[in-house]
């Protein structure tokens, strides 16, 4: 009986993932037949990889549906309905940090940045910078829900600050910062942290699950932008100091 519950709705998830992958497969084979003509061994490995992606993504999304989403909502509802709802702030910080740390896309971006910069920007430094930024903004959003602050009180000043700080950051970090905002809002963060915010807003008196529960992902997208820009400013200061010492 437990196994049936675990795989309830699995067919629908598998169909959704298959439909998402199908256009990519079709486009690849169009280019393969008419333009690229890559070796058969490469195509064989690609098909194996696609199969793994299909199975892995389907299992992951099924796990999210029956595990992460309910767990996040229950955590949010538990703290939101308790006299100690202020604990949502440190809990949000901790879960925001760990969710971003576990985000696969964050690691892919960090690895690519380290490779492209020839080790100038360290992978682990970027991962922890992103995770810390996400943690701070998840905690801020929990405070926003608790105190009923309007969403634009955080998001508008945040993006304006990011645009101003670009002038003082290392130019190498500018594009990385805005890409980082996208990769941080991956399946780990969206499913677990967003459901926690909605769960908390649902049980709090005077809060709306729609108005107060959502908006977190926009803040999570902003967090890495600001944190990476600030990291770029540190790198820029270090370069200026090194140049001054060399002169």
Protein backbone atom coordinates (compact mmCIF):
# COMPACT_ATOMS: atom_id res chain seq x y z
CA UNK A 1 0.00 0.00 0.00
CA UNK A 2 2.86 2.37 0.85
CA UNK A 3 4.51 1.72 -2.51
CA UNK A 4 1.26 2.60 -4.28
CA UNK A 5 1.10 5.93 -2.44
CA UNK A 6 4.73 6.70 -3.30
CA UNK A 7 4.09 6.17 -7.01
CA UNK A 8 0.64 7.76 -7.10
CA UNK A 9 0.50 10.10 -10.10
CA UNK A 10 3.88 8.86 -11.36
CA UNK A 11 2.51 8.34 -14.88
CA UNK A 12 1.48 11.99 -15.16
CA UNK A 13 4.91 13.15 -13.99
CA UNK A 14 6.61 10.84 -16.50
CA UNK A 15 4.41 12.20 -19.29
CA UNK A 16 5.19 15.82 -18.35
CA UNK A 17 8.95 15.17 -18.33
CA UNK A 18 8.76 13.28 -21.65
CA UNK A 19 6.89 16.17 -23.26
CA UNK A 20 9.51 18.61 -21.96
CA UNK A 21 12.42 16.56 -23.34
CA UNK A 22 10.86 15.68 -26.71
CA UNK A 23 11.43 19.08 -28.42
CA UNK A 24 15.11 19.00 -27.39
CA UNK A 25 15.53 15.52 -28.86
CA UNK A 26 13.78 16.52 -32.10
CA UNK A 27 15.92 19.65 -32.51
CA UNK A 28 19.11 17.71 -31.85
CA UNK A 29 18.34 15.09 -34.47
CA UNK A 30 17.38 17.74 -37.04
CA UNK A 31 20.78 19.39 -36.55
CA UNK A 32 22.50 16.01 -36.42
CA UNK A 33 21.02 14.82 -39.72
CA UNK A 34 21.39 18.03 -41.71
CA UNK A 35 24.34 19.87 -40.18
CA UNK A 36 26.54 18.39 -37.45
CA UNK A 37 26.81 14.71 -38.41
CA UNK A 38 28.47 13.76 -35.12
CA UNK A 39 29.95 10.25 -34.66
CA UNK A 40 27.58 7.39 -33.87
CA UNK A 41 29.31 6.83 -30.52
CA UNK A 42 28.49 10.40 -29.49
CA UNK A 43 24.81 9.95 -30.44
CA UNK A 44 24.67 6.66 -28.52
CA UNK A 45 26.06 8.31 -25.38
CA UNK A 46 23.61 11.18 -25.81
CA UNK A 47 20.67 8.77 -25.93
CA UNK A 48 21.93 7.05 -22.79
CA UNK A 49 22.20 10.44 -21.10
CA UNK A 50 18.68 11.39 -22.18
CA UNK A 51 17.34 8.16 -20.71
CA UNK A 52 19.07 8.89 -17.41
CA UNK A 53 17.69 12.44 -17.44
CA UNK A 54 14.18 11.13 -18.13
CA UNK A 55 14.30 8.61 -15.30
CA UNK A 56 16.15 10.87 -12.85
CA UNK A 57 14.02 13.95 -13.43
CA UNK A 58 10.81 11.95 -13.18
CA UNK A 59 11.86 10.34 -9.90
CA UNK A 60 13.03 13.70 -8.56
CA UNK A 61 9.77 15.49 -9.41
CA UNK A 62 7.75 12.61 -7.98
CA UNK A 63 9.77 12.91 -4.78
CA UNK A 64 9.18 16.67 -4.74
CA UNK A 65 5.43 16.17 -5.18
CA UNK A 66 4.99 13.61 -2.40
CA UNK A 67 7.81 14.75 -0.10
CA UNK A 68 9.29 18.23 -0.41
CA UNK A 69 6.06 20.18 -1.02
CA UNK A 70 4.10 18.66 1.88
CA UNK A 71 7.12 18.85 4.20
CA UNK A 72 7.74 22.52 3.41
CA UNK A 73 4.08 23.40 3.96
CA UNK A 74 3.97 21.53 7.26
CA UNK A 75 7.12 23.26 8.55
CA UNK A 76 5.75 26.67 7.58
CA UNK A 77 2.34 25.93 9.08
CA UNK A 78 3.87 24.60 12.32
CA UNK A 79 5.93 27.71 13.02
CA UNK A 80 3.36 30.11 11.58
CA UNK A 81 0.67 28.79 13.92
CA UNK A 82 2.86 28.70 17.02
CA UNK A 83 3.55 31.43 19.63
CA UNK A 84 7.18 31.27 18.51
CA UNK A 85 6.58 32.30 14.91
CA UNK A 86 9.70 34.49 15.03
CA UNK A 87 11.63 31.22 14.79
CA UNK A 88 10.57 31.22 11.13
CA UNK A 89 13.37 33.74 10.53
CA UNK A 90 16.34 31.59 11.67
CA UNK A 91 14.66 28.45 10.30
CA UNK A 92 14.24 30.21 6.95
CA UNK A 93 17.90 31.24 7.02
CA UNK A 94 19.06 27.69 7.72
CA UNK A 95 16.79 26.03 5.15
CA UNK A 96 17.55 28.71 2.55
CA UNK A 97 21.27 28.10 2.95
CA UNK A 98 21.01 24.32 2.76
CA UNK A 99 18.55 24.36 -0.17
CA UNK A 100 20.82 26.63 -2.22
CA UNK A 101 23.85 24.56 -1.25
CA UNK A 102 22.09 21.45 -2.58
CA UNK A 103 20.88 23.14 -5.77
CA UNK A 104 22.44 21.29 -8.77
CA UNK A 105 22.33 24.34 -11.05
CA UNK A 106 24.31 26.39 -8.52
CA UNK A 107 27.10 23.82 -8.61
CA UNK A 108 27.07 23.65 -12.42
CA UNK A 109 27.38 27.44 -12.69
CA UNK A 110 30.17 27.54 -10.09
CA UNK A 111 32.13 24.80 -11.86
CA UNK A 112 31.80 26.58 -15.22
CA UNK A 113 32.86 29.91 -13.70
CA UNK A 114 35.96 28.35 -12.12
CA UNK A 115 36.88 26.70 -15.43
CA UNK A 116 36.24 29.83 -17.52
CA UNK A 117 38.23 32.03 -15.12
CA UNK A 118 41.10 29.51 -14.96
CA UNK A 119 40.65 29.19 -11.21
CA UNK A 120 40.54 32.94 -10.56
CA UNK A 121 37.02 32.63 -9.13
CA UNK A 122 36.94 29.57 -6.90
CA UNK A 123 33.99 27.17 -7.20
CA UNK A 124 33.40 26.73 -3.46
CA UNK A 125 33.66 30.44 -2.76
CA UNK A 126 30.94 31.14 -5.33
CA UNK A 127 28.71 28.34 -4.00
CA UNK A 128 28.90 29.58 -0.42
CA UNK A 129 28.45 33.21 -1.51
CA UNK A 130 25.26 32.31 -3.38
CA UNK A 131 23.98 30.14 -0.53
CA UNK A 132 24.59 32.85 2.07
CA UNK A 133 22.78 35.42 -0.07
CA UNK A 134 19.79 33.11 -0.51
CA UNK A 135 19.73 32.35 3.23
CA UNK A 136 19.63 36.05 4.16
CA UNK A 137 16.81 36.84 1.74
CA UNK A 138 14.73 33.81 2.75
CA UNK A 139 15.05 35.01 6.35
CA UNK A 140 14.01 38.51 5.25
CA UNK A 141 10.98 37.10 3.46
CA UNK A 142 9.95 35.16 6.57
CA UNK A 143 10.13 38.46 8.49
CA UNK A 144 8.05 40.10 5.75
CA UNK A 145 5.34 37.45 6.19
CA UNK A 146 5.39 37.67 9.99
CA UNK A 147 5.11 41.46 10.08
CA UNK A 148 2.88 41.78 7.01
CA UNK A 149 5.21 44.04 5.05
CA UNK A 150 4.31 44.73 1.39
CA UNK A 151 6.41 42.75 -1.08
CA UNK A 152 7.64 45.81 -2.97
CA UNK A 153 9.26 47.17 0.20
CA UNK A 154 12.00 44.58 -0.31
CA UNK A 155 12.14 43.85 -4.02
CA UNK A 156 12.21 47.42 -5.40
CA UNK A 157 15.06 48.74 -3.19
CA UNK A 158 16.90 45.45 -3.69
CA UNK A 159 17.00 45.64 -7.48
CA UNK A 160 17.79 49.37 -7.41
CA UNK A 161 20.70 48.66 -5.06
CA UNK A 162 21.94 45.93 -7.42
CA UNK A 163 21.95 48.33 -10.37
CA UNK A 164 23.83 50.98 -8.37
CA UNK A 165 26.43 48.51 -7.06
CA UNK A 166 27.21 47.32 -10.59
CA UNK A 167 29.28 50.48 -11.06
CA UNK A 168 31.62 49.48 -8.23
CA UNK A 169 31.89 45.75 -8.88
CA UNK A 170 34.49 43.85 -10.85
CA UNK A 171 33.13 43.72 -14.45
CA UNK A 172 33.89 39.98 -14.62
CA UNK A 173 31.21 39.41 -11.97
CA UNK A 174 28.39 41.39 -13.60
CA UNK A 175 27.07 38.72 -15.98
CA UNK A 176 27.83 35.98 -13.46
CA UNK A 177 25.72 37.79 -10.86
CA UNK A 178 22.60 37.92 -13.02
CA UNK A 179 23.04 34.31 -14.17
CA UNK A 180 23.40 33.32 -10.53
CA UNK A 181 19.98 34.79 -9.83
CA UNK A 182 18.47 32.33 -12.31
CA UNK A 183 20.25 29.19 -11.17
CA UNK A 184 19.47 29.78 -7.49
CA UNK A 185 15.74 29.51 -8.20
CA UNK A 186 15.97 25.82 -9.07
CA UNK A 187 13.82 22.87 -8.00
CA UNK A 188 15.31 22.51 -4.50
CA UNK A 189 14.68 26.12 -3.51
CA UNK A 190 11.37 26.60 -5.29
CA UNK A 191 9.71 23.44 -4.05
CA UNK A 192 10.84 23.43 -0.44
CA UNK A 193 11.25 27.08 0.51
CA UNK A 194 8.26 28.42 -1.45
CA UNK A 195 5.95 25.79 0.03
CA UNK A 196 7.19 26.74 3.51
CA UNK A 197 6.33 30.41 2.90
CA UNK A 198 2.87 29.52 1.57
CA UNK A 199 2.27 27.18 4.52
CA UNK A 200 3.21 29.89 7.02
CA UNK A 201 1.08 32.57 5.35
CA UNK A 202 -1.90 30.21 5.14
CA UNK A 203 -2.20 29.69 8.91
CA UNK A 204 -1.32 33.22 10.08
CA UNK A 205 -4.24 35.45 10.94
CA UNK A 206 -4.48 38.44 8.63
CA UNK A 207 -2.15 36.92 6.03
CA UNK A 208 -3.03 35.71 2.56
CA UNK A 209 -1.45 32.62 1.01
CA UNK A 210 -1.53 34.40 -2.38
CA UNK A 211 -0.48 37.92 -1.38
CA UNK A 212 2.01 37.07 1.38
CA UNK A 213 3.01 33.50 0.54
CA UNK A 214 4.33 34.20 -2.94
CA UNK A 215 7.08 36.59 -4.00
CA UNK A 216 9.83 34.62 -2.27
CA UNK A 217 11.30 33.37 -5.53
CA UNK A 218 11.81 36.93 -6.78
CA UNK A 219 13.79 37.63 -3.62
CA UNK A 220 15.74 34.40 -3.99
CA UNK A 221 16.60 35.48 -7.54
CA UNK A 222 17.75 38.87 -6.22
CA UNK A 223 19.88 37.41 -3.42
CA UNK A 224 22.67 35.89 -5.56
CA UNK A 225 22.79 38.99 -7.75
CA UNK A 226 23.60 41.19 -4.77
CA UNK A 227 25.91 38.68 -3.10
CA UNK A 228 27.96 38.04 -6.27
CA UNK A 229 28.17 41.77 -7.03
CA UNK A 230 29.47 42.32 -3.49
CA UNK A 231 31.96 39.50 -4.03
CA UNK A 232 33.04 41.29 -7.21
CA UNK A 233 33.59 44.47 -5.23
CA UNK A 234 35.84 42.56 -2.83
CA UNK A 235 37.80 41.14 -5.77
CA UNK A 236 38.10 44.63 -7.27
CA UNK A 237 39.44 46.09 -4.02
CA UNK A 238 41.92 43.22 -3.79
CA UNK A 239 43.11 43.86 -7.35
CA UNK A 240 43.52 47.58 -6.68
CA UNK A 241 45.47 46.80 -3.51
CA UNK A 242 47.70 44.34 -5.37
CA UNK A 243 48.30 46.89 -8.15
CA UNK A 244 49.15 49.52 -5.54
CA UNK A 245 51.57 47.20 -3.79
CA UNK A 246 53.16 46.24 -7.12
CA UNK A 247 53.67 49.88 -8.05
